[in-house]
């Protein structure tokens, strides 16, 4: 079975070799979906997941992380970028619901 690389909430950062997912139709993602409600992949399909600047926007980041866990194979690579809770950029965008604190696992 071929493993997938997912670029969730890709925006204008469309990446070759990835399944690019976004809620905004105009960025022309491969899959159009709202990650607040749907992570449209079967279990254990992803070897790599990019979550660049999305966790601060979703209603329930813990649920989204659980969904990422579900779609990842063991030892998958998950890369997350989000504004630190002390950053001014956290509060400059009215669509941000929260800032985050980095941890490493």
C-alpha atoms as a PDB file:
ATOM      1  CA  UNK A   1       0.000   0.000   0.000  1.00  0.00           C
ATOM      2  CA  UNK A   2       1.364   3.421  -0.965  1.00  0.00           C
ATOM      3  CA  UNK A   3       1.701   5.840   1.924  1.00  0.00           C
ATOM      4  CA  UNK A   4       0.596   9.461   1.617  1.00  0.00           C
ATOM      5  CA  UNK A   5       2.121  12.772   2.583  1.00  0.00           C
ATOM      6  CA  UNK A   6      -0.514  15.270   3.723  1.00  0.00           C
ATOM      7  CA  UNK A   7      -0.282  19.060   3.638  1.00  0.00           C
ATOM      8  CA  UNK A   8      -3.240  20.078   5.797  1.00  0.00           C
ATOM      9  CA  UNK A   9      -4.435  23.647   5.423  1.00  0.00           C
ATOM     10  CA  UNK A  10      -2.018  24.168   2.555  1.00  0.00           C
ATOM     11  CA  UNK A  11      -3.099  27.685   1.589  1.00  0.00           C
ATOM     12  CA  UNK A  12      -0.816  28.971  -1.150  1.00  0.00           C
ATOM     13  CA  UNK A  13       1.905  26.499  -0.073  1.00  0.00           C
ATOM     14  CA  UNK A  14       0.897  23.811  -2.587  1.00  0.00           C
ATOM     15  CA  UNK A  15       3.492  21.025  -2.467  1.00  0.00           C
ATOM     16  CA  UNK A  16       4.239  18.458  -5.132  1.00  0.00           C
ATOM     17  CA  UNK A  17       4.215  14.900  -3.804  1.00  0.00           C
ATOM     18  CA  UNK A  18       1.683  15.782  -1.085  1.00  0.00           C
ATOM     19  CA  UNK A  19      -2.088  15.656  -0.894  1.00  0.00           C
ATOM     20  CA  UNK A  20      -2.844  19.337  -0.384  1.00  0.00           C
ATOM     21  CA  UNK A  21      -5.941  20.047   1.713  1.00  0.00           C
ATOM     22  CA  UNK A  22      -7.640  23.362   2.443  1.00  0.00           C
ATOM     23  CA  UNK A  23     -11.011  24.951   3.154  1.00  0.00           C
ATOM     24  CA  UNK A  24     -10.397  27.781   0.652  1.00  0.00           C
ATOM     25  CA  UNK A  25     -11.474  26.815  -2.861  1.00  0.00           C
ATOM     26  CA  UNK A  26      -9.476  29.591  -4.561  1.00  0.00           C
ATOM     27  CA  UNK A  27      -6.101  28.070  -3.512  1.00  0.00           C
ATOM     28  CA  UNK A  28      -7.075  24.982  -5.566  1.00  0.00           C
ATOM     29  CA  UNK A  29      -6.321  22.242  -3.043  1.00  0.00           C
ATOM     30  CA  UNK A  30      -6.445  18.580  -4.042  1.00  0.00           C
ATOM     31  CA  UNK A  31      -9.121  18.086  -1.387  1.00  0.00           C
ATOM     32  CA  UNK A  32     -11.511  20.799  -0.212  1.00  0.00           C
ATOM     33  CA  UNK A  33     -12.652  20.282   3.397  1.00  0.00           C
ATOM     34  CA  UNK A  34     -13.100  21.992   6.754  1.00  0.00           C
ATOM     35  CA  UNK A  35     -10.662  20.419   9.229  1.00  0.00           C
ATOM     36  CA  UNK A  36     -12.975  21.447  12.074  1.00  0.00           C
ATOM     37  CA  UNK A  37     -15.289  18.666  10.927  1.00  0.00           C
ATOM     38  CA  UNK A  38     -13.515  16.335   8.570  1.00  0.00           C
ATOM     39  CA  UNK A  39     -10.126  14.694   8.078  1.00  0.00           C
ATOM     40  CA  UNK A  40     -11.100  12.714   4.984  1.00  0.00           C
ATOM     41  CA  UNK A  41      -8.542   9.912   5.088  1.00  0.00           C
ATOM     42  CA  UNK A  42      -8.641   6.298   6.216  1.00  0.00           C
ATOM     43  CA  UNK A  43      -6.669   4.996   9.178  1.00  0.00           C
ATOM     44  CA  UNK A  44      -2.896   4.474   8.886  1.00  0.00           C
ATOM     45  CA  UNK A  45      -2.394   6.104   5.467  1.00  0.00           C
ATOM     46  CA  UNK A  46       0.046   8.970   6.181  1.00  0.00           C
ATOM     47  CA  UNK A  47       3.805   8.754   6.527  1.00  0.00           C
ATOM     48  CA  UNK A  48       4.116  12.537   6.868  1.00  0.00           C
ATOM     49  CA  UNK A  49       1.709  15.311   7.843  1.00  0.00           C
ATOM     50  CA  UNK A  50       2.276  19.053   7.659  1.00  0.00           C
ATOM     51  CA  UNK A  51       0.147  21.259   9.929  1.00  0.00           C
ATOM     52  CA  UNK A  52       1.423  24.710   9.078  1.00  0.00           C
ATOM     53  CA  UNK A  53      -0.469  27.554  10.731  1.00  0.00           C
ATOM     54  CA  UNK A  54      -3.746  25.687  11.290  1.00  0.00           C
ATOM     55  CA  UNK A  55      -3.950  24.655  14.970  1.00  0.00           C
ATOM     56  CA  UNK A  56      -4.503  28.256  16.049  1.00  0.00           C
ATOM     57  CA  UNK A  57      -7.573  28.421  13.767  1.00  0.00           C
ATOM     58  CA  UNK A  58      -9.482  25.221  14.526  1.00  0.00           C
ATOM     59  CA  UNK A  59     -12.190  24.982  17.162  1.00  0.00           C
ATOM     60  CA  UNK A  60     -10.779  21.862  18.826  1.00  0.00           C
ATOM     61  CA  UNK A  61      -7.041  21.344  18.212  1.00  0.00           C
ATOM     62  CA  UNK A  62      -6.988  18.224  20.408  1.00  0.00           C
ATOM     63  CA  UNK A  63      -9.593  16.561  18.188  1.00  0.00           C
ATOM     64  CA  UNK A  64      -7.581  17.456  15.085  1.00  0.00           C
ATOM     65  CA  UNK A  65      -4.412  15.989  16.638  1.00  0.00           C
ATOM     66  CA  UNK A  66      -6.364  12.808  17.468  1.00  0.00           C
ATOM     67  CA  UNK A  67      -7.427  12.619  13.821  1.00  0.00           C
ATOM     68  CA  UNK A  68      -3.820  13.089  12.704  1.00  0.00           C
ATOM     69  CA  UNK A  69      -2.844  10.231  15.035  1.00  0.00           C
ATOM     70  CA  UNK A  70      -5.570   8.091  13.441  1.00  0.00           C
ATOM     71  CA  UNK A  71      -4.418   8.637   9.862  1.00  0.00           C
ATOM     72  CA  UNK A  72      -0.681   8.260  10.583  1.00  0.00           C
ATOM     73  CA  UNK A  73       1.306   5.067  10.355  1.00  0.00           C
ATOM     74  CA  UNK A  74       3.589   4.204  13.289  1.00  0.00           C
ATOM     75  CA  UNK A  75       6.647   6.494  13.353  1.00  0.00           C
ATOM     76  CA  UNK A  76       5.098   8.947  10.898  1.00  0.00           C
ATOM     77  CA  UNK A  77       6.609  12.417  10.741  1.00  0.00           C
ATOM     78  CA  UNK A  78       4.280  15.236  11.852  1.00  0.00           C
ATOM     79  CA  UNK A  79       5.473  18.816  11.441  1.00  0.00           C
ATOM     80  CA  UNK A  80       3.516  21.537  13.234  1.00  0.00           C
ATOM     81  CA  UNK A  81       3.985  25.300  12.975  1.00  0.00           C
ATOM     82  CA  UNK A  82       1.837  27.622  15.062  1.00  0.00           C
ATOM     83  CA  UNK A  83       2.324  30.978  16.773  1.00  0.00           C
ATOM     84  CA  UNK A  84       3.654  30.942  20.316  1.00  0.00           C
ATOM     85  CA  UNK A  85       1.077  32.178  22.818  1.00  0.00           C
ATOM     86  CA  UNK A  86       3.315  35.150  23.698  1.00  0.00           C
ATOM     87  CA  UNK A  87       3.751  36.286  20.082  1.00  0.00           C
ATOM     88  CA  UNK A  88       2.032  39.472  18.918  1.00  0.00           C
ATOM     89  CA  UNK A  89       1.073  37.620  15.705  1.00  0.00           C
ATOM     90  CA  UNK A  90      -1.140  35.359  17.814  1.00  0.00           C
ATOM     91  CA  UNK A  91      -3.422  38.302  18.517  1.00  0.00           C
ATOM     92  CA  UNK A  92      -2.982  40.256  15.272  1.00  0.00           C
ATOM     93  CA  UNK A  93      -5.185  37.879  13.258  1.00  0.00           C
ATOM     94  CA  UNK A  94      -8.792  37.904  14.433  1.00  0.00           C
ATOM     95  CA  UNK A  95      -9.243  34.375  13.063  1.00  0.00           C
ATOM     96  CA  UNK A  96      -6.744  33.005  15.595  1.00  0.00           C
ATOM     97  CA  UNK A  97      -8.456  31.261  18.467  1.00  0.00           C
ATOM     98  CA  UNK A  98      -5.277  30.630  20.525  1.00  0.00           C
ATOM     99  CA  UNK A  99      -1.504  30.565  20.605  1.00  0.00           C
ATOM    100  CA  UNK A 100       0.365  27.429  21.486  1.00  0.00           C
ATOM    101  CA  UNK A 101       3.308  26.401  23.610  1.00  0.00           C
ATOM    102  CA  UNK A 102       5.978  24.236  21.935  1.00  0.00           C
ATOM    103  CA  UNK A 103       6.771  20.775  23.218  1.00  0.00           C
ATOM    104  CA  UNK A 104       8.829  18.026  21.661  1.00  0.00           C
ATOM    105  CA  UNK A 105       7.902  14.372  21.597  1.00  0.00           C
END
